[in-house]
Amino acid sequence: MVQFRAKRVLRSLLLGLVCFLLISSAVKSQDKPVLTVAVEPVFPPFEFKAPNGDFQGFDVDLIRAVGQAGGFGVTFQSIPFDGIIPALQAGTADAAVAAMTITQARSQAVAFSQPYFKAGLAIAVRDGTTGITKLDDLKGKAIAVQIGTTGAKTASAVAGAKIRTFDAAVLALQELKNGNVDAVVNDSPVTLYAIKTGNLQGIRIVGQLLTEEFYGIPLPLNSPNLQRVNEGLKTILQNGTYAQIYQKWFNAQPPQLPESAFGTAQTAQQTPTLGSVSVILNALPTLLKGALITLQLAAVSVFFGLIGGSLIGIARLSTLTPVRWAARAYIDFFRGTPLLVQIFMIYFGFPALLQAVGLNFTFNRFAAAIVALSFNSAAYIAEIVRAGIQSIEVGQSEAAQSLGLDSVQTLRHVIFPQALRRMLPPLGNEFITLLKDTSLVAVIGFEELFREGQLIVAENYRPFELYASVALVYLALTLLSSQGFSYLERVMNPVKRSSSRTQRGSL
């Protein structure tokens, strides 16, 4: 009995110890919160990925040091630059480090820490370019920028400039390297680092800095973590940790930083907030213009895809083994790789490859988008055509041959017209899919419907209203397309045509 009681006492002590440890760890975790920090890991030297997949860069080292000094932990979440402020507004991220310039407009959407970096915009051009040293020299020129940045806003103010927006600064610089634009307006430290360490020979910065800017750490408005972040920043600025991080990445002593990006007596000016209906109505003309481009892209791509897909689908049925296998390889490649990768490969990859062997080749954005969408669509249409032809009974071919028609005449006059009626439903699905896939060409700066929505969000930071409007426009386009193909199905259905003639005759 004594031994049994001793075991009970020991079990109770162990259980109490476990509960104490759990409570202690919970209290400790409450004392040191963990913030989800958004980063854009394609912006060296501020944030990028190491070969082992870890995040690294000046901003990454900075926020870790700030967290250690401010008493909080950090976990990183990769988000595109134009999605960082919407993520903070939605509460999916607690803070961000993205070399984000503190501006009046952004200060109305998010709360910024005190400045942690002094920078400015610079103009980058190809070697051998003359006559471009300042912003006024870019009038009427083609300029590549990263969407949602101060570089994009500055370039948009240049009279007559043709602005091409990209999701990352590295894509804008690659656009310049390929010779598709005259200049890039981007943050000077990022451009210098890309020229120094990247495969971007033949690019240089010209003139003086266009602006003086200060980066800050954005957080949601009224965030309780803002005080922790500012306290951590002040600590590392005073104890020398900031200078060590700056020296590590820029091999220089850091400049003096102000306590506020707007000066001691100046604060971010508030502007009236528009209602949701006003935001949508203001954006609607621009979105409809993008919708026309989306329809144009889809229609032209399906037209060429239908021609190419029909030929490839017929080749799949060829009795010649090399022809059949070549068609199969084409279909497997374009159906087995993402369309986004194909767009990058065609627009950025081929020109860079040809220029590497000494051929001066550039790709027009519209042509590149049509080529990529048409090639991809042709692979799917080829299988639709093949299945449609094989669905026609063998007796149809035998009857045509008995009438003296050769194989080409049989395919043209007998098989294909019947197969086309059966192919209409899947062809309609393919057109609708392609209509939505045109949004992917936004990555090469093509301003179709989705890209127009992104550009507006980058200016007013109202993602819900704008993206909901974009979705509704896409829905309207797909519904109209669906009704159009349903009409074609009714028109091409011989049974319904004959019944309608009978009904008209009886009247």
Protein backbone atom coordinates (compact mmCIF):
# COMPACT_ATOMS: atom_id res chain seq x y z
CA MET A 1 0.00 0.00 0.00
CA VAL A 2 2.89 2.36 0.88
CA GLN A 3 4.58 1.55 -2.41
CA PHE A 4 1.34 2.26 -4.32
CA ARG A 5 0.97 5.67 -2.57
CA ALA A 6 4.59 6.52 -3.37
CA LYS A 7 3.95 5.83 -7.05
CA ARG A 8 0.87 8.06 -6.97
CA VAL A 9 2.86 10.88 -5.35
CA LEU A 10 5.65 10.49 -7.91
CA ARG A 11 3.14 10.50 -10.79
CA SER A 12 1.50 13.65 -9.39
CA LEU A 13 4.87 15.38 -9.08
CA LEU A 14 5.77 14.50 -12.68
CA LEU A 15 2.38 15.70 -13.90
CA GLY A 16 2.78 18.96 -12.01
CA LEU A 17 6.28 19.45 -13.43
CA VAL A 18 4.98 18.98 -16.97
CA CYS A 19 2.16 21.46 -16.39
CA PHE A 20 4.64 23.97 -14.93
CA LEU A 21 6.90 23.67 -17.98
CA LEU A 22 3.96 24.09 -20.37
CA ILE A 23 2.70 27.15 -18.53
CA SER A 24 6.22 28.61 -18.39
CA SER A 25 6.74 28.11 -22.11
CA ALA A 26 3.34 29.66 -22.83
CA VAL A 27 4.17 32.68 -20.68
CA LYS A 28 7.58 32.94 -22.32
CA SER A 29 6.06 32.81 -25.81
CA GLN A 30 3.60 35.53 -24.81
CA ASP A 31 6.50 37.67 -23.55
CA LYS A 32 8.31 37.25 -26.89
CA PRO A 33 5.80 37.31 -29.77
CA VAL A 34 6.76 36.05 -33.22
CA LEU A 35 5.99 38.39 -36.13
CA THR A 36 5.25 37.16 -39.65
CA VAL A 37 7.45 39.35 -41.85
CA ALA A 38 6.76 39.63 -45.58
CA VAL A 39 9.75 39.72 -47.93
CA GLU A 40 10.25 39.79 -51.68
CA PRO A 41 13.26 37.47 -52.14
CA VAL A 42 14.24 38.75 -55.60
CA PHE A 43 15.64 42.13 -54.54
CA PRO A 44 19.34 41.70 -53.74
CA PRO A 45 21.20 42.88 -51.76
CA PHE A 46 18.24 43.67 -49.49
CA GLU A 47 16.42 40.34 -49.62
CA PHE A 48 17.11 37.23 -51.66
CA LYS A 49 17.58 33.51 -51.24
CA ALA A 50 20.84 31.75 -50.49
CA PRO A 51 21.79 28.56 -52.39
CA ASN A 52 20.45 26.50 -49.47
CA GLY A 53 17.05 28.22 -49.72
CA ASP A 54 17.37 30.45 -46.64
CA PHE A 55 16.50 34.13 -46.80
CA GLN A 56 19.45 36.50 -46.69
CA GLY A 57 20.27 40.14 -47.35
CA PHE A 58 20.58 43.49 -45.60
CA ASP A 59 16.87 43.67 -44.73
CA VAL A 60 16.84 40.09 -43.43
CA ASP A 61 19.82 40.68 -41.13
CA LEU A 62 18.30 44.00 -40.05
CA ILE A 63 14.89 42.66 -39.00
CA ARG A 64 16.50 39.76 -37.13
CA ALA A 65 18.67 42.21 -35.21
CA VAL A 66 15.68 44.48 -34.60
CA GLY A 67 13.68 41.52 -33.32
CA GLN A 68 16.46 40.48 -30.96
CA ALA A 69 16.77 44.02 -29.63
CA GLY A 70 13.01 44.63 -29.52
CA GLY A 71 12.09 41.35 -27.87
CA PHE A 72 10.26 39.53 -30.66
CA GLY A 73 10.96 36.70 -33.07
CA VAL A 74 10.47 36.70 -36.84
CA THR A 75 9.29 34.24 -39.44
CA PHE A 76 9.47 35.12 -43.13
CA GLN A 77 6.77 34.89 -45.76
CA SER A 78 7.57 35.40 -49.45
CA ILE A 79 5.18 37.89 -51.11
CA PRO A 80 5.54 39.89 -54.37
CA PHE A 81 6.27 43.57 -53.79
CA ASP A 82 2.89 44.79 -55.09
CA GLY A 83 1.15 42.35 -52.73
CA ILE A 84 2.94 43.38 -49.54
CA ILE A 85 0.73 46.34 -48.58
CA PRO A 86 -2.50 44.39 -49.33
CA ALA A 87 -1.12 41.55 -47.16
CA LEU A 88 -0.50 43.97 -44.30
CA GLN A 89 -3.97 45.46 -44.73
CA ALA A 90 -5.51 41.98 -44.67
CA GLY A 91 -3.55 40.98 -41.57
CA THR A 92 -1.79 38.04 -43.23
CA ALA A 93 1.57 39.64 -42.37
CA ASP A 94 2.58 41.56 -39.23
CA ALA A 95 5.38 43.54 -40.87
CA ALA A 96 7.54 43.62 -43.98
CA VAL A 97 11.12 44.27 -45.03
CA ALA A 98 11.16 45.05 -48.74
CA ALA A 99 13.32 48.17 -49.20
CA MET A 100 10.03 50.08 -49.24
CA THR A 101 10.28 53.84 -49.56
CA ILE A 102 8.24 55.85 -47.07
CA THR A 103 5.78 57.97 -49.07
CA GLN A 104 2.73 60.06 -48.28
CA ALA A 105 0.38 57.69 -50.11
CA ARG A 106 1.75 54.55 -48.49
CA SER A 107 1.63 56.15 -45.04
CA GLN A 108 -2.15 56.32 -45.39
CA ALA A 109 -2.38 52.57 -46.06
CA VAL A 110 0.20 51.24 -43.57
CA ALA A 111 2.20 52.44 -40.58
CA PHE A 112 5.95 52.90 -41.08
CA SER A 113 8.77 52.59 -38.61
CA GLN A 114 11.38 55.29 -38.41
CA PRO A 115 13.68 55.31 -41.47
CA TYR A 116 16.36 52.61 -41.55
CA PHE A 117 18.04 53.24 -44.93
CA LYS A 118 18.87 56.22 -47.13
CA ALA A 119 18.69 55.59 -50.88
CA GLY A 120 17.60 57.12 -54.15
CA LEU A 121 16.53 56.33 -57.70
CA ALA A 122 19.01 55.99 -60.55
CA ILE A 123 18.81 55.60 -64.33
CA ALA A 124 20.42 52.51 -65.86
CA VAL A 125 21.16 52.23 -69.59
CA ARG A 126 23.10 49.89 -71.87
CA ASP A 127 26.73 50.58 -72.68
CA GLY A 128 27.03 52.77 -75.73
CA THR A 129 23.80 54.67 -75.02
CA THR A 130 24.25 58.41 -75.40
CA GLY A 131 22.04 61.38 -74.65
CA ILE A 132 20.54 59.97 -71.44
CA THR A 133 21.92 61.40 -68.21
CA LYS A 134 18.86 62.83 -66.45
CA LEU A 135 15.10 62.29 -66.17
CA ASP A 136 14.17 64.80 -68.89
CA ASP A 137 16.28 62.84 -71.37
CA LEU A 138 13.80 59.96 -71.07
CA LYS A 139 10.96 61.85 -72.78
CA GLY A 140 9.43 59.61 -75.43
CA LYS A 141 11.70 56.69 -74.42
CA ALA A 142 10.77 53.16 -73.38
CA ILE A 143 11.38 52.71 -69.63
CA ALA A 144 11.23 49.47 -67.62
CA VAL A 145 10.24 49.66 -63.94
CA GLN A 146 9.09 47.40 -61.13
CA ILE A 147 5.38 47.63 -60.44
CA GLY A 148 4.29 49.57 -57.37
CA THR A 149 7.67 51.23 -56.75
CA THR A 150 8.66 54.87 -56.51
CA GLY A 151 10.69 54.23 -59.66
CA ALA A 152 7.46 53.39 -61.49
CA LYS A 153 5.77 56.54 -60.15
CA THR A 154 8.71 58.73 -61.13
CA ALA A 155 8.94 57.25 -64.62
CA SER A 156 5.20 57.66 -65.19
CA ALA A 157 5.61 61.44 -64.82
CA VAL A 158 8.00 61.60 -67.79
CA ALA A 159 6.22 63.12 -70.79
CA GLY A 160 5.61 60.67 -73.63
CA ALA A 161 7.48 57.83 -71.93
CA LYS A 162 6.44 54.26 -72.73
CA ILE A 163 6.34 52.51 -69.36
CA ARG A 164 6.74 48.75 -69.07
CA THR A 165 6.06 47.31 -65.63
CA PHE A 166 7.48 44.07 -64.29
CA ASP A 167 6.95 42.11 -61.10
CA ALA A 168 10.63 42.20 -60.12
CA ALA A 169 13.55 44.58 -60.62
CA VAL A 170 15.65 41.78 -62.11
CA LEU A 171 13.09 41.35 -64.92
CA ALA A 172 13.17 45.07 -65.68
CA LEU A 173 16.97 44.94 -65.90
CA GLN A 174 16.80 41.85 -68.12
CA GLU A 175 14.40 43.76 -70.38
CA LEU A 176 17.07 46.47 -70.69
CA LYS A 177 19.80 43.93 -71.34
CA ASN A 178 17.73 42.35 -74.14
CA GLY A 179 17.42 45.76 -75.78
CA ASN A 180 13.64 46.08 -75.48
CA VAL A 181 13.75 49.37 -73.55
CA ASP A 182 15.99 52.42 -73.44
CA ALA A 183 16.43 52.66 -69.68
CA VAL A 184 15.47 51.36 -66.24
CA VAL A 185 14.52 53.61 -63.33
CA ASN A 186 15.17 51.71 -60.12
CA ASP A 187 16.71 51.95 -56.65
CA SER A 188 20.42 52.73 -57.01
CA PRO A 189 21.79 50.15 -54.49
CA VAL A 190 19.80 47.33 -56.09
CA THR A 191 20.87 48.24 -59.62
CA LEU A 192 24.52 48.55 -58.62
CA TYR A 193 24.45 45.19 -56.85
CA ALA A 194 22.78 43.51 -59.84
CA ILE A 195 25.39 44.91 -62.22
CA LYS A 196 28.22 43.86 -59.91
CA THR A 197 27.13 40.31 -59.09
CA GLY A 198 24.59 39.33 -61.76
CA ASN A 199 24.92 38.30 -65.38
CA LEU A 200 24.14 41.83 -66.55
CA GLN A 201 27.26 42.93 -68.36
CA GLY A 202 26.79 45.90 -70.63
CA ILE A 203 24.60 47.93 -68.24
CA ARG A 204 25.66 51.04 -66.34
CA ILE A 205 24.18 53.79 -64.17
CA VAL A 206 24.28 57.33 -65.56
CA GLY A 207 23.90 60.77 -64.01
CA GLN A 208 23.13 61.68 -60.42
CA LEU A 209 20.52 60.15 -58.13
CA LEU A 210 17.06 61.32 -59.12
CA THR A 211 15.65 61.38 -55.60
CA GLU A 212 16.56 61.11 -51.94
CA GLU A 213 14.47 58.40 -50.31
CA PHE A 214 14.23 56.64 -46.98
CA TYR A 215 13.19 53.03 -46.45
CA GLY A 216 10.99 52.04 -43.54
CA ILE A 217 9.51 48.86 -42.09
CA PRO A 218 5.77 48.85 -42.92
CA LEU A 219 3.22 47.43 -40.48
CA PRO A 220 -0.60 47.46 -40.42
CA LEU A 221 -2.19 50.71 -39.31
CA ASN A 222 -2.48 50.97 -35.52
CA SER A 223 -0.26 47.90 -35.12
CA PRO A 224 0.71 47.19 -31.50
CA ASN A 225 4.10 46.00 -32.79
CA LEU A 226 5.17 49.41 -34.14
CA GLN A 227 6.61 50.48 -30.78
CA ARG A 228 8.61 47.22 -30.50
CA VAL A 229 10.04 47.69 -33.99
CA ASN A 230 11.02 51.32 -33.37
CA GLU A 231 12.61 50.45 -30.02
CA GLY A 232 14.59 47.67 -31.67
CA LEU A 233 15.72 49.98 -34.47
CA LYS A 234 16.85 52.68 -32.01
CA THR A 235 18.80 50.09 -30.03
CA ILE A 236 20.76 48.68 -32.98
CA LEU A 237 21.42 52.19 -34.33
CA GLN A 238 22.94 53.18 -30.98
CA ASN A 239 24.91 50.02 -30.10
CA GLY A 240 26.68 49.70 -33.46
CA THR A 241 24.84 46.62 -34.74
CA TYR A 242 23.31 48.59 -37.61
CA ALA A 243 26.73 49.85 -38.69
CA GLN A 244 28.07 46.28 -38.71
CA ILE A 245 25.20 45.06 -40.93
CA TYR A 246 25.64 48.04 -43.27
CA GLN A 247 29.38 47.42 -43.51
CA LYS A 248 28.77 43.72 -44.26
CA TRP A 249 26.54 44.38 -47.29
CA PHE A 250 27.79 47.72 -48.64
CA ASN A 251 31.38 47.90 -47.37
CA ALA A 252 30.85 51.47 -46.22
CA GLN A 253 29.86 53.49 -43.20
CA PRO A 254 26.10 54.20 -42.98
CA PRO A 255 24.83 57.76 -43.50
CA GLN A 256 23.01 59.70 -40.81
CA LEU A 257 19.31 58.84 -40.66
CA PRO A 258 16.48 61.22 -39.62
CA GLU A 259 13.85 60.25 -37.09
CA SER A 260 11.11 60.89 -39.66
CA ALA A 261 11.08 60.67 -43.46
CA PHE A 262 8.83 63.76 -43.58
CA GLY A 263 10.91 65.97 -41.34
CA THR A 264 10.34 67.02 -37.75
CA ALA A 265 7.45 69.37 -38.47
CA GLN A 266 5.92 67.54 -41.36
CA THR A 267 3.70 64.48 -41.21
CA ALA A 268 1.95 62.40 -43.80
CA GLN A 269 -0.98 64.38 -45.13
CA GLN A 270 -4.27 62.58 -45.14
CA THR A 271 -6.40 62.64 -48.28
CA PRO A 272 -10.10 61.83 -48.40
CA THR A 273 -10.83 58.12 -48.73
CA LEU A 274 -13.06 57.24 -51.66
CA GLY A 275 -15.95 54.85 -51.22
CA SER A 276 -15.89 51.41 -52.82
CA VAL A 277 -18.35 52.38 -55.54
CA SER A 278 -16.27 55.43 -56.48
CA VAL A 279 -13.10 53.33 -56.63
CA ILE A 280 -14.75 50.82 -58.96
CA LEU A 281 -16.32 53.47 -61.20
CA ASN A 282 -13.03 55.33 -61.52
CA ALA A 283 -11.21 52.14 -62.47
CA LEU A 284 -13.84 50.75 -64.84
CA PRO A 285 -12.74 52.57 -68.04
CA THR A 286 -9.16 51.37 -67.57
CA LEU A 287 -10.30 47.83 -66.83
CA LEU A 288 -12.52 47.75 -69.92
CA LYS A 289 -9.57 48.90 -72.02
CA GLY A 290 -7.57 45.99 -70.59
CA ALA A 291 -10.49 43.64 -71.31
CA LEU A 292 -10.36 44.55 -75.01
CA ILE A 293 -6.67 43.65 -75.08
CA THR A 294 -7.44 40.39 -73.28
CA LEU A 295 -10.07 39.51 -75.89
CA GLN A 296 -7.67 40.40 -78.68
CA LEU A 297 -4.94 38.19 -77.22
CA ALA A 298 -7.33 35.26 -76.75
CA ALA A 299 -8.92 35.54 -80.20
CA VAL A 300 -5.64 35.81 -82.12
CA SER A 301 -4.00 33.05 -80.08
CA VAL A 302 -6.92 30.66 -80.55
CA PHE A 303 -6.97 31.40 -84.29
CA PHE A 304 -3.30 30.46 -84.72
CA GLY A 305 -3.65 27.69 -82.14
CA LEU A 306 -6.55 26.21 -84.10
CA ILE A 307 -4.51 26.17 -87.32
CA GLY A 308 -1.43 24.71 -85.65
CA GLY A 309 -3.42 22.34 -83.44
CA SER A 310 -5.35 20.96 -86.42
CA LEU A 311 -2.13 20.22 -88.29
CA ILE A 312 -0.50 18.66 -85.24
CA GLY A 313 -3.64 16.66 -84.43
CA ILE A 314 -3.69 15.25 -87.99
CA ALA A 315 0.04 14.53 -87.70
CA ARG A 316 -0.72 12.49 -84.56
CA LEU A 317 -2.78 10.19 -86.76
CA SER A 318 -0.12 9.90 -89.46
CA THR A 319 1.11 6.47 -90.53
CA LEU A 320 4.67 7.87 -90.64
CA THR A 321 6.29 7.09 -87.31
CA PRO A 322 8.71 10.11 -87.19
CA VAL A 323 5.84 12.53 -87.93
CA ARG A 324 3.63 10.91 -85.32
CA TRP A 325 6.35 10.95 -82.67
CA ALA A 326 7.32 14.57 -83.43
CA ALA A 327 3.70 15.63 -82.94
CA ARG A 328 3.53 13.64 -79.71
CA ALA A 329 6.74 15.28 -78.42
CA TYR A 330 5.34 18.76 -79.14
CA ILE A 331 2.10 18.00 -77.32
CA ASP A 332 3.83 16.45 -74.32
CA PHE A 333 6.23 19.39 -73.96
CA PHE A 334 3.68 22.19 -74.11
CA ARG A 335 1.10 20.34 -72.00
CA GLY A 336 3.71 19.14 -69.52
CA THR A 337 5.33 22.51 -68.75
CA PRO A 338 3.66 25.54 -67.13
CA LEU A 339 2.52 28.29 -69.48
CA LEU A 340 4.23 30.84 -67.24
CA VAL A 341 7.58 29.13 -67.81
CA GLN A 342 6.95 29.07 -71.56
CA ILE A 343 6.26 32.82 -71.56
CA PHE A 344 9.51 33.52 -69.70
CA MET A 345 11.44 31.18 -71.97
CA ILE A 346 10.12 32.76 -75.18
CA TYR A 347 10.30 36.42 -74.14
CA PHE A 348 13.41 36.51 -71.93
CA GLY A 349 15.21 33.26 -72.72
CA PHE A 350 15.42 33.16 -76.52
CA PRO A 351 16.67 36.77 -77.00
CA ALA A 352 19.32 36.28 -74.29
CA LEU A 353 20.39 32.98 -75.88
CA LEU A 354 20.66 34.46 -79.36
CA GLN A 355 22.49 37.54 -78.09
CA ALA A 356 24.97 35.27 -76.32
CA VAL A 357 25.97 33.79 -79.70
CA GLY A 358 26.25 37.21 -81.31
CA LEU A 359 22.78 37.62 -82.86
CA ASN A 360 21.06 40.92 -82.04
CA PHE A 361 17.48 39.76 -81.53
CA THR A 362 14.62 41.32 -79.56
CA PHE A 363 11.03 40.19 -79.12
CA ASN A 364 8.00 42.45 -79.34
CA ARG A 365 5.80 41.93 -76.27
CA PHE A 366 2.61 41.38 -78.24
CA ALA A 367 4.32 38.96 -80.59
CA ALA A 368 5.90 37.06 -77.70
CA ALA A 369 2.55 36.80 -75.91
CA ILE A 370 0.81 35.55 -79.08
CA VAL A 371 3.56 33.01 -79.79
CA ALA A 372 3.52 31.62 -76.25
CA LEU A 373 -0.28 31.44 -76.00
CA SER A 374 -0.65 30.01 -79.52
CA PHE A 375 2.00 27.33 -79.00
CA ASN A 376 0.42 26.30 -75.71
CA SER A 377 -3.12 26.36 -77.11
CA ALA A 378 -2.09 24.34 -80.18
CA ALA A 379 -0.96 21.45 -77.97
CA TYR A 380 -4.39 21.16 -76.33
CA ILE A 381 -6.32 21.78 -79.54
CA ALA A 382 -4.27 19.04 -81.25
CA GLU A 383 -5.62 16.44 -78.83
CA ILE A 384 -9.15 17.80 -79.27
CA VAL A 385 -8.82 17.49 -83.06
CA ARG A 386 -7.34 14.00 -82.82
CA ALA A 387 -10.13 12.81 -80.54
CA GLY A 388 -12.78 14.45 -82.74
CA ILE A 389 -11.50 12.77 -85.91
CA GLN A 390 -11.20 9.39 -84.25
CA SER A 391 -14.77 9.68 -82.96
CA ILE A 392 -16.18 9.53 -86.52
CA GLU A 393 -17.22 6.02 -87.53
CA VAL A 394 -14.93 4.14 -89.92
CA GLY A 395 -17.89 3.60 -92.21
CA GLN A 396 -17.84 7.27 -93.12
CA SER A 397 -14.33 6.96 -94.54
CA GLU A 398 -15.21 3.75 -96.36
CA ALA A 399 -18.28 5.34 -97.93
CA ALA A 400 -16.23 8.34 -99.08
CA GLN A 401 -13.62 6.08 -100.63
CA SER A 402 -16.32 4.12 -102.45
CA LEU A 403 -17.42 7.42 -104.01
CA GLY A 404 -13.90 7.96 -105.35
CA LEU A 405 -12.67 10.54 -102.81
CA ASP A 406 -9.02 10.42 -101.84
CA SER A 407 -7.83 10.67 -98.22
CA VAL A 408 -7.47 14.48 -98.28
CA GLN A 409 -10.92 14.99 -99.82
CA THR A 410 -12.41 12.52 -97.35
CA LEU A 411 -10.89 14.40 -94.41
CA ARG A 412 -11.93 17.79 -95.77
CA HIS A 413 -15.48 17.09 -96.97
CA VAL A 414 -16.65 14.16 -94.83
CA ILE A 415 -14.68 13.61 -91.62
CA PHE A 416 -13.67 17.09 -90.47
CA PRO A 417 -17.12 18.78 -90.84
CA GLN A 418 -18.69 16.08 -88.68
CA ALA A 419 -15.78 16.09 -86.21
CA LEU A 420 -15.94 19.87 -85.88
CA ARG A 421 -19.46 19.71 -84.42
CA ARG A 422 -18.23 17.28 -81.79
CA MET A 423 -15.14 19.38 -81.10
CA LEU A 424 -17.06 22.60 -80.42
CA PRO A 425 -17.72 22.00 -76.68
CA PRO A 426 -14.06 21.24 -75.82
CA LEU A 427 -12.91 24.03 -78.14
CA GLY A 428 -15.18 26.41 -76.24
CA ASN A 429 -13.62 25.24 -72.97
CA GLU A 430 -10.15 25.78 -74.43
CA PHE A 431 -11.03 29.33 -75.51
CA ILE A 432 -12.38 30.18 -72.06
CA THR A 433 -9.28 28.68 -70.42
CA LEU A 434 -7.04 30.68 -72.73
CA LEU A 435 -9.05 33.82 -72.02
CA LYS A 436 -8.18 33.48 -68.35
CA ASP A 437 -4.60 32.40 -69.04
CA THR A 438 -3.92 35.69 -70.82
CA SER A 439 -3.47 37.15 -67.32
CA LEU A 440 -0.09 35.38 -67.21
CA VAL A 441 1.40 37.66 -69.87
CA ALA A 442 1.33 40.38 -67.21
CA VAL A 443 4.72 39.03 -66.11
CA ILE A 444 6.32 40.46 -69.26
CA GLY A 445 4.73 43.86 -68.69
CA PHE A 446 1.81 43.42 -71.07
CA GLU A 447 -1.05 45.60 -69.83
CA GLU A 448 -4.09 43.41 -70.29
CA LEU A 449 -7.04 43.23 -67.88
CA PHE A 450 -5.24 41.73 -64.88
CA ARG A 451 -2.20 43.97 -65.24
CA GLU A 452 -4.36 47.08 -65.43
CA GLY A 453 -5.94 46.04 -62.14
CA GLN A 454 -2.50 45.52 -60.58
CA LEU A 455 -1.36 48.96 -61.68
CA ILE A 456 -4.40 50.63 -60.13
CA VAL A 457 -3.94 48.71 -56.86
CA ALA A 458 -0.30 49.83 -56.79
CA GLU A 459 -1.55 53.43 -56.76
CA ASN A 460 -4.56 53.40 -54.44
CA TYR A 461 -3.96 50.26 -52.29
CA ARG A 462 -7.58 49.14 -52.57
CA PRO A 463 -7.08 45.47 -53.53
CA PHE A 464 -10.50 44.06 -52.64
CA GLU A 465 -12.56 46.44 -54.78
CA LEU A 466 -10.14 46.33 -57.72
CA TYR A 467 -9.53 42.58 -57.85
CA ALA A 468 -13.24 41.90 -57.33
CA SER A 469 -13.94 44.18 -60.32
CA VAL A 470 -11.30 42.36 -62.39
CA ALA A 471 -12.91 39.04 -61.48
CA LEU A 472 -16.35 40.28 -62.52
CA VAL A 473 -15.03 41.51 -65.88
CA TYR A 474 -13.42 38.11 -66.48
CA LEU A 475 -16.70 36.45 -65.51
CA ALA A 476 -18.59 38.61 -68.00
CA LEU A 477 -16.11 37.72 -70.76
CA THR A 478 -16.31 34.00 -70.06
CA LEU A 479 -20.13 34.05 -69.89
CA LEU A 480 -20.34 35.86 -73.24
CA SER A 481 -17.86 33.41 -74.76
CA SER A 482 -19.82 30.46 -73.41
CA GLN A 483 -23.04 31.82 -74.91
CA GLY A 484 -21.30 32.37 -78.24
CA PHE A 485 -20.10 28.77 -78.45
CA SER A 486 -23.54 27.51 -77.38
CA TYR A 487 -25.02 29.45 -80.29
CA LEU A 488 -22.51 27.88 -82.68
CA GLU A 489 -23.42 24.43 -81.39
CA ARG A 490 -27.11 25.08 -82.09
CA VAL A 491 -26.40 26.49 -85.56
CA MET A 492 -24.18 23.55 -86.54
CA ASN A 493 -26.51 20.87 -85.16
CA PRO A 494 -28.31 19.36 -88.21
CA VAL A 495 -31.09 17.88 -86.09
CA LYS A 496 -32.01 21.24 -84.57
CA ARG A 497 -31.68 22.96 -87.93
CA SER A 498 -34.10 20.56 -89.59
CA SER A 499 -36.57 20.80 -86.69
CA SER A 500 -36.49 24.60 -86.86
CA ARG A 501 -37.14 24.48 -90.62
CA THR A 502 -40.08 22.12 -90.04
CA GLN A 503 -41.53 24.47 -87.45
CA ARG A 504 -41.18 27.46 -89.76
CA GLY A 505 -42.78 25.44 -92.63
CA SER A 506 -45.77 24.48 -90.49
CA LEU A 507 -46.34 28.12 -89.68
